[in-house]
């Protein structure tokens, strides 16, 4: 009988322990995980949703551990489960691991300047590197229309540093150009709105007609009327000849596209102007150049330079230095110096303005380059 009683007691103990063990084994280390469009300062979810448009900038996953512990970690893997638009299936697009030491642990996925592809997504959560939970969400619908307006997009060889306006409007550049500019006029924008410029090589001497991204940069508008972007070739090398395009994007949506070409100098039109700028030297040895449009009045010399391509023999060149307006000098539209020469072929042009008394009158100036009597470049600058 004693054996039977002992057997019954063991059965009763096991029966009582099983629910407790099952409860312990089934309890997830993560109490709650939520997808949302914002979080509080403490990490609590705000604007909870599982459905977002392609232009959402940041998606958050707010995770509440059952028992916060600095010895444990939580990892979030972000996946595109399936997107026919992007041709992706079970594609890992982001991963982050952090300590599980707070009441709320927050993970964030911030998209690039490109819109998120429509489709099904998932955040897979791991606690101490063991699968813990999966949170699905969807990207669908249409992006919100932008209020920012881009217009007057221009490719140029130089920029008016005072106004930000392009100095000329060209669609062809020599391969030896040190820099190529792309400008766009902006309206209807907030101070912190951002425009992205993507430079793309569309085909040419590299022998591949597939698009190749050359460079990409972004600028905040910050109240400016014009935004200016630029690109330079690799050091010591020319631009690859071929077809290019400059693509302006806002919020991941392409707004404007500017095609241009890079060619050998023999294919440039006659009297093509490049590399025009005003500058001073920052040292007595005249080794350090300061490209500027604002010049101190005590500057002894101001320089102008440009490069002219394919000038016919006997081309008349003239550089004029003009005070546009100066209360200090009491003059308006007054020419104070000029340089003249005869040029041909492809050549560099250099001229300088030298002060007679060691001081320039404060005011607005302009330097003009004329070829055969026709103005080709006008660069304004201030003396202050």
Protein backbone atom coordinates (compact mmCIF):
# COMPACT_ATOMS: atom_id res chain seq x y z
CA UNK A 1 0.00 0.00 0.00
CA UNK A 2 2.85 2.39 0.74
CA UNK A 3 4.11 2.02 -2.79
CA UNK A 4 0.69 2.80 -4.22
CA UNK A 5 0.39 5.94 -2.04
CA UNK A 6 3.81 7.14 -3.12
CA UNK A 7 2.88 6.58 -6.77
CA UNK A 8 -0.31 8.62 -6.33
CA UNK A 9 1.59 11.48 -4.66
CA UNK A 10 4.09 11.59 -7.54
CA UNK A 11 1.28 11.72 -10.08
CA UNK A 12 -0.37 14.57 -8.19
CA UNK A 13 2.90 16.53 -8.01
CA UNK A 14 3.52 16.12 -11.72
CA UNK A 15 -0.05 17.15 -12.51
CA UNK A 16 0.34 20.32 -10.45
CA UNK A 17 3.76 21.17 -11.92
CA UNK A 18 2.85 20.75 -15.57
CA UNK A 19 0.68 23.91 -15.87
CA UNK A 20 3.38 25.92 -14.13
CA UNK A 21 6.07 24.60 -16.46
CA UNK A 22 3.88 25.13 -19.49
CA UNK A 23 3.21 28.71 -18.42
CA UNK A 24 6.88 29.44 -17.99
CA UNK A 25 7.78 27.86 -21.31
CA UNK A 26 5.06 29.65 -23.30
CA UNK A 27 5.67 33.15 -21.95
CA UNK A 28 7.31 35.35 -24.59
CA UNK A 29 10.22 37.57 -23.55
CA UNK A 30 8.48 40.34 -25.54
CA UNK A 31 5.20 41.54 -24.10
CA UNK A 32 4.23 43.72 -27.05
CA UNK A 33 5.68 44.90 -30.38
CA UNK A 34 3.98 47.61 -32.43
CA UNK A 35 4.62 49.22 -35.83
CA UNK A 36 4.02 52.98 -35.79
CA UNK A 37 4.86 56.30 -37.45
CA UNK A 38 6.20 57.91 -34.26
CA UNK A 39 7.31 57.28 -30.69
CA UNK A 40 7.29 59.27 -27.46
CA UNK A 41 10.42 60.32 -25.58
CA UNK A 42 10.18 57.10 -23.57
CA UNK A 43 9.71 54.96 -26.66
CA UNK A 44 5.98 54.34 -26.37
CA UNK A 45 4.28 53.96 -29.76
CA UNK A 46 2.45 56.89 -31.37
CA UNK A 47 0.41 56.88 -34.59
CA UNK A 48 0.10 53.10 -34.53
CA UNK A 49 -0.60 51.58 -37.93
CA UNK A 50 0.25 48.63 -40.14
CA UNK A 51 -0.38 50.50 -43.39
CA UNK A 52 1.83 53.24 -44.81
CA UNK A 53 2.26 55.14 -48.08
CA UNK A 54 5.52 54.87 -50.11
CA UNK A 55 6.69 58.36 -49.09
CA UNK A 56 6.75 57.75 -45.33
CA UNK A 57 10.18 58.84 -44.13
CA UNK A 58 10.61 56.68 -41.01
CA UNK A 59 8.80 53.60 -39.71
CA UNK A 60 9.23 52.62 -36.06
CA UNK A 61 8.91 49.34 -34.21
CA UNK A 62 8.28 49.92 -30.50
CA UNK A 63 9.07 46.83 -28.43
CA UNK A 64 8.08 46.31 -24.78
CA UNK A 65 10.17 43.54 -23.12
CA UNK A 66 8.48 41.43 -20.46
CA UNK A 67 11.41 41.91 -18.12
CA UNK A 68 13.94 44.58 -19.14
CA UNK A 69 17.50 43.34 -18.70
CA UNK A 70 20.85 44.87 -19.60
CA UNK A 71 22.20 41.32 -20.04
CA UNK A 72 19.81 40.53 -22.88
CA UNK A 73 19.51 41.87 -26.42
CA UNK A 74 16.75 42.40 -28.94
CA UNK A 75 17.41 42.34 -32.68
CA UNK A 76 15.09 43.66 -35.38
CA UNK A 77 15.42 42.44 -38.97
CA UNK A 78 13.39 44.41 -41.53
CA UNK A 79 12.19 42.46 -44.57
CA UNK A 80 10.37 43.08 -47.81
CA UNK A 81 8.25 39.93 -47.74
CA UNK A 82 6.99 40.42 -51.28
CA UNK A 83 6.96 43.40 -53.64
CA UNK A 84 6.03 42.88 -57.26
CA UNK A 85 6.85 46.55 -57.90
CA UNK A 86 10.48 46.05 -56.85
CA UNK A 87 10.75 42.37 -57.77
CA UNK A 88 11.74 41.43 -54.21
CA UNK A 89 10.85 38.41 -52.07
CA UNK A 90 12.05 37.90 -48.49
CA UNK A 91 14.67 40.62 -48.96
CA UNK A 92 16.49 41.83 -45.85
CA UNK A 93 16.60 45.64 -45.98
CA UNK A 94 17.84 46.51 -42.48
CA UNK A 95 18.98 45.04 -39.17
CA UNK A 96 19.73 46.44 -35.73
CA UNK A 97 20.54 44.97 -32.32
CA UNK A 98 20.36 46.71 -28.94
CA UNK A 99 20.19 45.94 -25.22
CA UNK A 100 16.78 45.01 -23.79
CA UNK A 101 17.35 47.30 -20.81
CA UNK A 102 14.46 49.78 -21.11
CA UNK A 103 10.69 49.57 -20.67
CA UNK A 104 10.43 50.32 -24.40
CA UNK A 105 13.07 49.49 -27.01
CA UNK A 106 12.71 51.36 -30.31
CA UNK A 107 13.90 50.37 -33.77
CA UNK A 108 13.60 52.70 -36.75
CA UNK A 109 13.79 52.15 -40.48
CA UNK A 110 14.47 55.36 -42.46
CA UNK A 111 14.12 55.15 -46.21
CA UNK A 112 16.58 56.73 -48.65
CA UNK A 113 15.55 59.49 -51.06
CA UNK A 114 13.77 56.82 -53.10
CA UNK A 115 10.16 55.89 -52.33
CA UNK A 116 9.54 52.57 -50.62
CA UNK A 117 8.26 49.95 -53.06
CA UNK A 118 4.67 48.89 -52.50
CA UNK A 119 4.23 45.43 -50.99
CA UNK A 120 4.19 43.33 -47.81
CA UNK A 121 6.83 43.89 -45.13
CA UNK A 122 7.81 42.30 -41.82
CA UNK A 123 9.91 43.06 -38.77
CA UNK A 124 11.35 39.85 -37.32
CA UNK A 125 12.31 40.25 -33.66
CA UNK A 126 14.93 38.12 -31.90
CA UNK A 127 15.50 37.99 -28.14
CA UNK A 128 19.04 36.92 -27.31
CA UNK A 129 19.30 35.87 -30.97
CA UNK A 130 16.32 33.51 -30.69
CA UNK A 131 13.14 34.14 -32.74
CA UNK A 132 10.61 35.92 -30.56
CA UNK A 133 7.98 37.67 -32.67
CA UNK A 134 7.14 38.85 -36.20
CA UNK A 135 5.23 42.07 -36.90
CA UNK A 136 3.82 42.57 -40.42
CA UNK A 137 2.95 45.83 -42.19
CA UNK A 138 2.06 47.00 -45.69
CA UNK A 139 3.28 49.77 -48.01
CA UNK A 140 0.54 50.79 -50.42
CA UNK A 141 -1.32 53.75 -51.90
CA UNK A 142 0.03 56.91 -53.47
CA UNK A 143 2.61 59.36 -52.05
CA UNK A 144 1.39 62.78 -51.00
CA UNK A 145 1.79 65.49 -53.62
CA UNK A 146 4.71 67.82 -52.91
CA UNK A 147 4.13 71.56 -52.64
CA UNK A 148 7.70 72.32 -53.63
CA UNK A 149 8.04 73.52 -57.21
CA UNK A 150 11.22 73.11 -59.25
CA UNK A 151 11.71 75.07 -62.46
CA UNK A 152 14.32 76.74 -64.66
CA UNK A 153 16.68 73.78 -64.34
CA UNK A 154 19.94 74.68 -66.08
CA UNK A 155 23.30 73.10 -66.81
CA UNK A 156 26.13 75.64 -66.77
CA UNK A 157 29.88 76.16 -66.65
CA UNK A 158 29.72 78.70 -63.80
CA UNK A 159 27.60 80.19 -61.03
CA UNK A 160 26.99 83.78 -59.93
CA UNK A 161 28.04 83.34 -56.33
CA UNK A 162 26.05 86.39 -55.17
CA UNK A 163 22.64 85.37 -56.50
CA UNK A 164 23.19 81.67 -57.07
CA UNK A 165 22.02 82.02 -60.67
CA UNK A 166 23.81 80.10 -63.44
CA UNK A 167 26.13 82.16 -65.64
CA UNK A 168 25.06 80.44 -68.83
CA UNK A 169 22.87 77.66 -70.18
CA UNK A 170 24.65 74.83 -71.99
CA UNK A 171 24.03 71.16 -72.65
CA UNK A 172 27.50 70.17 -73.79
CA UNK A 173 30.80 70.15 -71.86
CA UNK A 174 34.42 69.43 -72.76
CA UNK A 175 35.92 66.28 -71.28
CA UNK A 176 38.64 68.35 -69.57
CA UNK A 177 36.15 70.48 -67.62
CA UNK A 178 37.22 70.69 -63.98
CA UNK A 179 33.60 71.08 -62.84
CA UNK A 180 30.05 70.91 -64.22
CA UNK A 181 27.15 72.75 -62.57
CA UNK A 182 23.45 72.01 -62.43
CA UNK A 183 21.05 74.61 -61.00
CA UNK A 184 17.35 74.68 -60.27
CA UNK A 185 14.98 77.41 -59.09
CA UNK A 186 12.85 76.53 -56.07
CA UNK A 187 9.52 77.91 -54.89
CA UNK A 188 6.83 76.89 -52.38
CA UNK A 189 9.37 75.20 -50.11
CA UNK A 190 9.83 75.13 -46.34
CA UNK A 191 13.20 76.04 -44.85
CA UNK A 192 14.13 72.40 -44.15
CA UNK A 193 12.80 70.87 -47.37
CA UNK A 194 15.49 68.99 -49.25
CA UNK A 195 16.30 68.48 -52.92
CA UNK A 196 18.45 65.60 -54.09
CA UNK A 197 20.48 65.68 -57.29
CA UNK A 198 21.43 62.36 -58.87
CA UNK A 199 24.09 62.41 -61.62
CA UNK A 200 23.71 59.49 -64.03
CA UNK A 201 25.95 58.28 -66.87
CA UNK A 202 23.56 57.11 -69.58
CA UNK A 203 26.11 55.66 -72.01
CA UNK A 204 29.09 56.45 -74.21
CA UNK A 205 32.77 55.62 -74.39
CA UNK A 206 32.60 53.27 -71.40
CA UNK A 207 30.75 50.90 -73.73
CA UNK A 208 27.78 50.22 -71.49
CA UNK A 209 24.41 51.76 -72.22
CA UNK A 210 23.01 50.78 -68.85
CA UNK A 211 22.46 53.66 -66.46
CA UNK A 212 25.27 54.16 -63.96
CA UNK A 213 24.91 56.48 -60.98
CA UNK A 214 27.96 58.73 -60.86
CA UNK A 215 27.20 60.81 -57.79
CA UNK A 216 24.39 61.95 -55.55
CA UNK A 217 24.05 64.83 -53.11
CA UNK A 218 21.29 66.64 -51.22
CA UNK A 219 20.82 70.25 -50.18
CA UNK A 220 18.38 71.83 -47.76
CA UNK A 221 16.58 74.73 -49.37
CA UNK A 222 17.07 77.08 -46.39
CA UNK A 223 15.34 80.02 -48.04
CA UNK A 224 17.46 80.04 -51.20
CA UNK A 225 15.93 80.81 -54.58
CA UNK A 226 18.44 78.68 -56.49
CA UNK A 227 20.09 75.43 -55.51
CA UNK A 228 23.39 74.65 -57.20
CA UNK A 229 24.91 71.18 -57.52
CA UNK A 230 28.22 70.27 -59.09
CA UNK A 231 30.31 67.31 -60.13
CA UNK A 232 34.01 66.96 -60.92
CA UNK A 233 35.94 64.14 -62.62
CA UNK A 234 38.28 61.83 -60.76
CA UNK A 235 41.53 63.56 -59.85
CA UNK A 236 43.90 63.75 -62.81
CA UNK A 237 41.36 62.27 -65.23
CA UNK A 238 38.86 63.77 -67.71
CA UNK A 239 35.15 63.11 -67.66
CA UNK A 240 34.23 59.96 -69.64
CA UNK A 241 32.75 61.10 -72.94
CA UNK A 242 29.12 60.25 -73.46
CA UNK A 243 25.52 61.00 -72.47
CA UNK A 244 24.60 62.06 -68.95
CA UNK A 245 21.54 63.25 -67.06
CA UNK A 246 21.02 65.20 -63.87
CA UNK A 247 17.87 64.19 -62.00
CA UNK A 248 16.28 66.35 -59.32
CA UNK A 249 14.26 64.54 -56.65
CA UNK A 250 12.04 65.70 -53.79
CA UNK A 251 10.82 63.16 -51.26
CA UNK A 252 11.99 60.31 -53.45
CA UNK A 253 10.02 61.49 -56.49
CA UNK A 254 11.82 62.66 -59.60
CA UNK A 255 10.72 66.18 -60.52
CA UNK A 256 13.05 67.19 -63.35
CA UNK A 257 15.64 65.57 -65.59
CA UNK A 258 18.35 67.45 -67.49
CA UNK A 259 20.27 65.63 -70.24
CA UNK A 260 23.78 66.77 -71.19
CA UNK A 261 26.80 65.46 -73.05
CA UNK A 262 30.56 65.38 -72.54
CA UNK A 263 32.60 65.58 -75.75
CA UNK A 264 36.08 66.24 -77.12
CA UNK A 265 36.89 69.95 -77.41
CA UNK A 266 36.88 69.77 -81.22
CA UNK A 267 33.14 69.12 -81.10
CA UNK A 268 32.41 72.24 -79.03
CA UNK A 269 30.92 75.30 -80.74
CA UNK A 270 33.24 78.20 -81.54
CA UNK A 271 33.92 80.64 -78.67
CA UNK A 272 32.68 78.22 -76.01
CA UNK A 273 33.45 79.60 -72.52
CA UNK A 274 34.31 77.54 -69.44
CA UNK A 275 35.95 77.97 -66.03
CA UNK A 276 35.09 81.68 -65.67
CA UNK A 277 35.60 83.01 -62.15
CA UNK A 278 36.81 85.92 -60.05
CA UNK A 279 39.43 85.22 -57.41
CA UNK A 280 42.07 86.63 -55.10
CA UNK A 281 45.18 85.17 -53.51
CA UNK A 282 45.28 84.43 -49.80
CA UNK A 283 49.08 84.49 -49.56
CA UNK A 284 51.89 86.74 -50.77
CA UNK A 285 53.43 83.91 -52.77
CA UNK A 286 50.17 83.72 -54.77
CA UNK A 287 49.81 79.97 -54.34
CA UNK A 288 46.51 79.76 -52.48
CA UNK A 289 43.53 80.85 -54.59
CA UNK A 290 40.34 82.11 -52.99
CA UNK A 291 37.38 81.86 -55.38
CA UNK A 292 35.08 84.52 -54.01
CA UNK A 293 32.48 87.12 -54.87
CA UNK A 294 32.98 89.21 -51.72
CA UNK A 295 36.29 91.01 -51.64
CA UNK A 296 37.77 93.15 -48.85
CA UNK A 297 38.43 96.77 -49.85
CA UNK A 298 42.12 96.48 -48.94
CA UNK A 299 42.73 93.67 -51.44
CA UNK A 300 45.60 94.84 -53.70
CA UNK A 301 44.61 92.80 -56.77
CA UNK A 302 41.51 91.04 -58.08
CA UNK A 303 41.87 88.41 -60.81
CA UNK A 304 39.64 87.05 -63.55
CA UNK A 305 40.17 83.91 -65.57
CA UNK A 306 38.31 81.84 -68.15
CA UNK A 307 38.96 79.32 -70.87
CA UNK A 308 37.87 79.91 -74.47
CA UNK A 309 37.52 76.97 -76.86
CA UNK A 310 37.78 77.02 -80.65
CA UNK A 311 38.27 80.75 -81.14
CA UNK A 312 38.70 81.61 -84.87
CA UNK A 313 41.98 83.34 -85.79
CA UNK A 314 41.88 87.06 -85.12
CA UNK A 315 39.19 86.88 -82.38
CA UNK A 316 39.10 90.18 -80.48
CA UNK A 317 39.09 89.62 -76.73
CA UNK A 318 38.27 92.30 -74.16
CA UNK A 319 37.89 92.15 -70.38
CA UNK A 320 36.13 95.12 -68.74
CA UNK A 321 36.16 95.97 -65.02
CA UNK A 322 33.14 98.11 -64.08
CA UNK A 323 31.84 99.74 -60.90
CA UNK A 324 28.10 99.11 -61.14
CA UNK A 325 27.30 101.22 -58.08
CA UNK A 326 29.42 102.80 -55.36
CA UNK A 327 28.31 105.50 -52.93
CA UNK A 328 31.87 105.72 -51.66
CA UNK A 329 33.25 106.49 -55.15
CA UNK A 330 30.16 108.42 -56.19
CA UNK A 331 29.89 106.61 -59.54
CA UNK A 332 27.51 104.24 -61.32
CA UNK A 333 28.30 102.00 -64.31
CA UNK A 334 31.83 103.35 -64.50
CA UNK A 335 34.56 101.38 -66.29
CA UNK A 336 37.77 101.48 -64.29
CA UNK A 337 40.02 99.12 -66.28
CA UNK A 338 40.18 96.93 -69.35
CA UNK A 339 42.41 94.32 -70.99
CA UNK A 340 42.46 93.68 -74.73
CA UNK A 341 44.09 90.98 -76.83
CA UNK A 342 43.75 88.92 -79.99
CA UNK A 343 43.27 85.17 -79.50
CA UNK A 344 42.71 82.03 -81.54
CA UNK A 345 42.18 78.34 -80.88
CA UNK A 346 41.65 77.06 -77.34
CA UNK A 347 43.29 79.29 -74.78
CA UNK A 348 43.14 80.50 -71.23
CA UNK A 349 42.31 84.13 -70.51
CA UNK A 350 43.66 86.02 -67.50
CA UNK A 351 43.15 89.60 -66.40
CA UNK A 352 43.55 91.53 -63.16
CA UNK A 353 42.34 94.70 -61.48
CA UNK A 354 45.06 96.51 -59.54
CA UNK A 355 44.32 99.27 -57.06
CA UNK A 356 46.35 102.45 -57.41
CA UNK A 357 46.12 103.51 -53.76
CA UNK A 358 45.95 100.10 -52.14
CA UNK A 359 42.17 100.32 -51.61
CA UNK A 360 39.12 99.54 -53.73
CA UNK A 361 36.02 101.67 -53.39
CA UNK A 362 33.27 99.73 -51.63
CA UNK A 363 30.33 98.85 -53.82
CA UNK A 364 29.01 96.52 -56.53
CA UNK A 365 31.31 95.54 -59.39
CA UNK A 366 31.17 93.41 -62.51
CA UNK A 367 33.80 91.95 -64.81
CA UNK A 368 32.73 91.35 -68.41
CA UNK A 369 34.32 89.16 -71.07
CA UNK A 370 33.61 90.22 -74.65
CA UNK A 371 34.63 88.30 -77.76
CA UNK A 372 34.37 90.18 -81.05
CA UNK A 373 32.34 92.80 -79.18
CA UNK A 374 29.75 90.32 -77.88
CA UNK A 375 29.40 89.79 -74.13
CA UNK A 376 30.05 86.15 -73.27
CA UNK A 377 30.41 86.26 -69.47
CA UNK A 378 29.48 88.81 -66.81
CA UNK A 379 30.62 88.05 -63.25
CA UNK A 380 29.37 90.34 -60.47
CA UNK A 381 31.26 90.77 -57.16
CA UNK A 382 31.15 93.02 -54.11
CA UNK A 383 33.88 95.05 -52.50
CA UNK A 384 33.21 95.56 -48.81
